Amino acid sequence: MSLQDKYRAVLDLGLEYEAKDGYVEELDGFLKLGGTVETQYQKDQMWDKIKEIAGDNPSDLEADIKVSNTEYYHKHTVAKGETLGKIAKHYYDDAMKYKAIFAANTDILKDPNLIYPDQVLTIPFA
């Protein structure tokens, strides 16, 4: 199995996130990959996938993933049935941090209990 095959899920995330200036080089049992994704959340997702595949300190990979937007953690499009608590649980592992999401979106939200599908919410840094 090639290293590109081993790390295919990471490379696929880079494509899904439309990483800019992406590169992948495999040479002598070592894989170098990099590029620039839009948000820190996307970078975190890619690193989580790397760790899932190869542990905290992979010996066969060098990854240089940059972030182009440092204003917020991510943008989230509300899906049917979601609440701020569910969204906070997804991004922060803590439903009670919904207040931070509400505070970051008072320009479009007037009540934390009233969100609607297709609204695009700013997810602030924790």
Protein backbone atom coordinates (compact mmCIF):
# COMPACT_ATOMS: atom_id res chain seq x y z
CA MET A 1 0.00 0.00 0.00
CA SER A 2 1.34 3.41 -0.92
CA LEU A 3 1.39 6.20 1.62
CA GLN A 4 -1.06 8.13 -0.53
CA ASP A 5 -3.43 5.18 -0.16
CA LYS A 6 -2.80 5.05 3.58
CA TYR A 7 -3.62 8.75 3.97
CA ARG A 8 -6.35 8.82 1.29
CA ALA A 9 -8.98 10.01 3.80
CA VAL A 10 -6.81 13.05 4.63
CA LEU A 11 -6.21 13.83 0.97
CA ASP A 12 -9.95 13.50 0.31
CA LEU A 13 -10.67 16.03 3.08
CA GLY A 14 -8.25 18.44 1.42
CA LEU A 15 -10.21 18.07 -1.82
CA GLU A 16 -13.55 18.43 -0.02
CA TYR A 17 -12.34 21.60 1.71
CA GLU A 18 -10.92 22.91 -1.58
CA ALA A 19 -7.44 23.39 -0.13
CA LYS A 20 -5.45 25.98 -2.05
CA ASP A 21 -1.87 25.44 -3.18
CA GLY A 22 -2.14 21.77 -2.19
CA TYR A 23 0.71 19.38 -2.78
CA VAL A 24 1.46 15.71 -2.15
CA GLU A 25 4.94 14.22 -2.55
CA GLU A 26 5.83 10.61 -1.79
CA LEU A 27 9.50 9.64 -1.75
CA ASP A 28 11.42 6.83 -0.09
CA GLY A 29 8.69 5.79 2.33
CA PHE A 30 7.83 9.35 3.39
CA LEU A 31 4.83 11.49 2.46
CA LYS A 32 4.84 15.29 2.43
CA LEU A 33 1.52 17.04 2.06
CA GLY A 34 0.29 20.54 2.54
CA GLY A 35 -1.95 23.33 1.47
CA THR A 36 -4.19 26.06 2.82
CA VAL A 37 -7.74 25.45 4.01
CA GLU A 38 -10.16 28.22 4.92
CA THR A 39 -10.81 27.61 8.63
CA GLN A 40 -9.12 26.26 11.72
CA TYR A 41 -11.96 23.73 12.03
CA GLN A 42 -11.04 22.25 8.65
CA LYS A 43 -7.38 22.06 9.66
CA ASP A 44 -8.37 20.38 12.93
CA GLN A 45 -10.50 17.85 11.04
CA MET A 46 -7.56 16.97 8.81
CA TRP A 47 -5.22 16.54 11.79
CA ASP A 48 -7.83 14.43 13.60
CA LYS A 49 -7.93 12.16 10.54
CA ILE A 50 -4.12 11.94 10.46
CA LYS A 51 -4.08 10.96 14.14
CA GLU A 52 -6.85 8.41 13.55
CA ILE A 53 -4.75 6.78 10.83
CA ALA A 54 -1.25 7.00 12.28
CA GLY A 55 -1.37 8.20 15.89
CA ASP A 56 -0.21 11.46 17.43
CA ASN A 57 3.26 11.46 15.89
CA PRO A 58 3.34 9.72 12.48
CA SER A 59 6.86 8.78 11.38
CA ASP A 60 6.00 8.52 7.68
CA LEU A 61 4.29 11.88 7.19
CA GLU A 62 5.09 15.59 7.19
CA ALA A 63 1.99 17.77 6.95
CA ASP A 64 1.98 21.54 6.56
CA ILE A 65 -1.65 22.65 6.68
CA LYS A 66 -2.23 26.39 6.81
CA VAL A 67 -5.40 28.41 7.47
CA SER A 68 -6.43 31.42 5.38
CA ASN A 69 -9.15 32.80 7.68
CA THR A 70 -8.36 33.51 11.31
CA GLU A 71 -11.42 35.69 12.04
CA TYR A 72 -13.55 32.75 13.24
CA TYR A 73 -13.32 29.00 13.80
CA HIS A 74 -15.81 28.00 11.10
CA LYS A 75 -19.04 28.87 9.29
CA HIS A 76 -21.95 26.47 9.83
CA THR A 77 -25.08 26.14 7.72
CA VAL A 78 -27.99 25.17 9.95
CA ALA A 79 -29.70 21.90 9.02
CA LYS A 80 -33.28 20.95 9.80
CA GLY A 81 -33.69 19.89 13.44
CA GLU A 82 -30.50 21.50 14.71
CA THR A 83 -30.32 23.65 17.82
CA LEU A 84 -27.54 25.92 19.01
CA GLY A 85 -26.86 23.33 21.71
CA LYS A 86 -26.38 20.55 19.14
CA ILE A 87 -24.15 22.78 17.06
CA ALA A 88 -22.08 23.73 20.13
CA LYS A 89 -21.76 20.05 21.06
CA HIS A 90 -20.44 19.30 17.58
CA TYR A 91 -17.80 22.03 17.54
CA TYR A 92 -16.88 22.30 21.22
CA ASP A 93 -18.01 19.00 22.77
CA ASP A 94 -20.10 21.12 25.14
CA ALA A 95 -23.73 21.98 24.40
CA MET A 96 -23.69 24.80 26.96
CA LYS A 97 -21.28 26.77 24.78
CA TYR A 98 -24.28 27.59 22.58
CA LYS A 99 -24.14 31.03 24.24
CA ALA A 100 -20.85 31.80 22.49
CA ILE A 101 -22.37 30.90 19.12
CA PHE A 102 -25.44 33.02 19.87
CA ALA A 103 -23.28 35.98 20.93
CA ALA A 104 -21.27 35.76 17.71
CA ASN A 105 -24.45 35.83 15.62
CA THR A 106 -26.68 38.47 17.22
CA ASP A 107 -26.74 40.26 13.87
CA ILE A 108 -28.97 37.45 12.53
CA LEU A 109 -30.28 35.77 15.70
CA LYS A 110 -32.57 37.48 18.18
CA ASP A 111 -33.42 34.41 20.30
CA PRO A 112 -31.11 31.41 20.91
CA ASN A 113 -34.12 29.10 20.62
CA LEU A 114 -35.04 30.30 17.14
CA ILE A 115 -32.71 29.19 14.39
CA TYR A 116 -33.74 28.08 10.93
CA PRO A 117 -32.39 25.77 8.24
CA ASP A 118 -29.98 27.38 5.80
CA GLN A 119 -28.92 30.17 8.17
CA VAL A 120 -25.15 30.51 8.07
CA LEU A 121 -23.74 30.93 11.56
CA THR A 122 -20.29 32.06 12.57
CA ILE A 123 -18.66 29.59 14.95
CA PRO A 124 -16.23 31.60 17.10
CA PHE A 125 -12.99 30.26 18.51
CA ALA A 126 -13.61 28.49 21.83
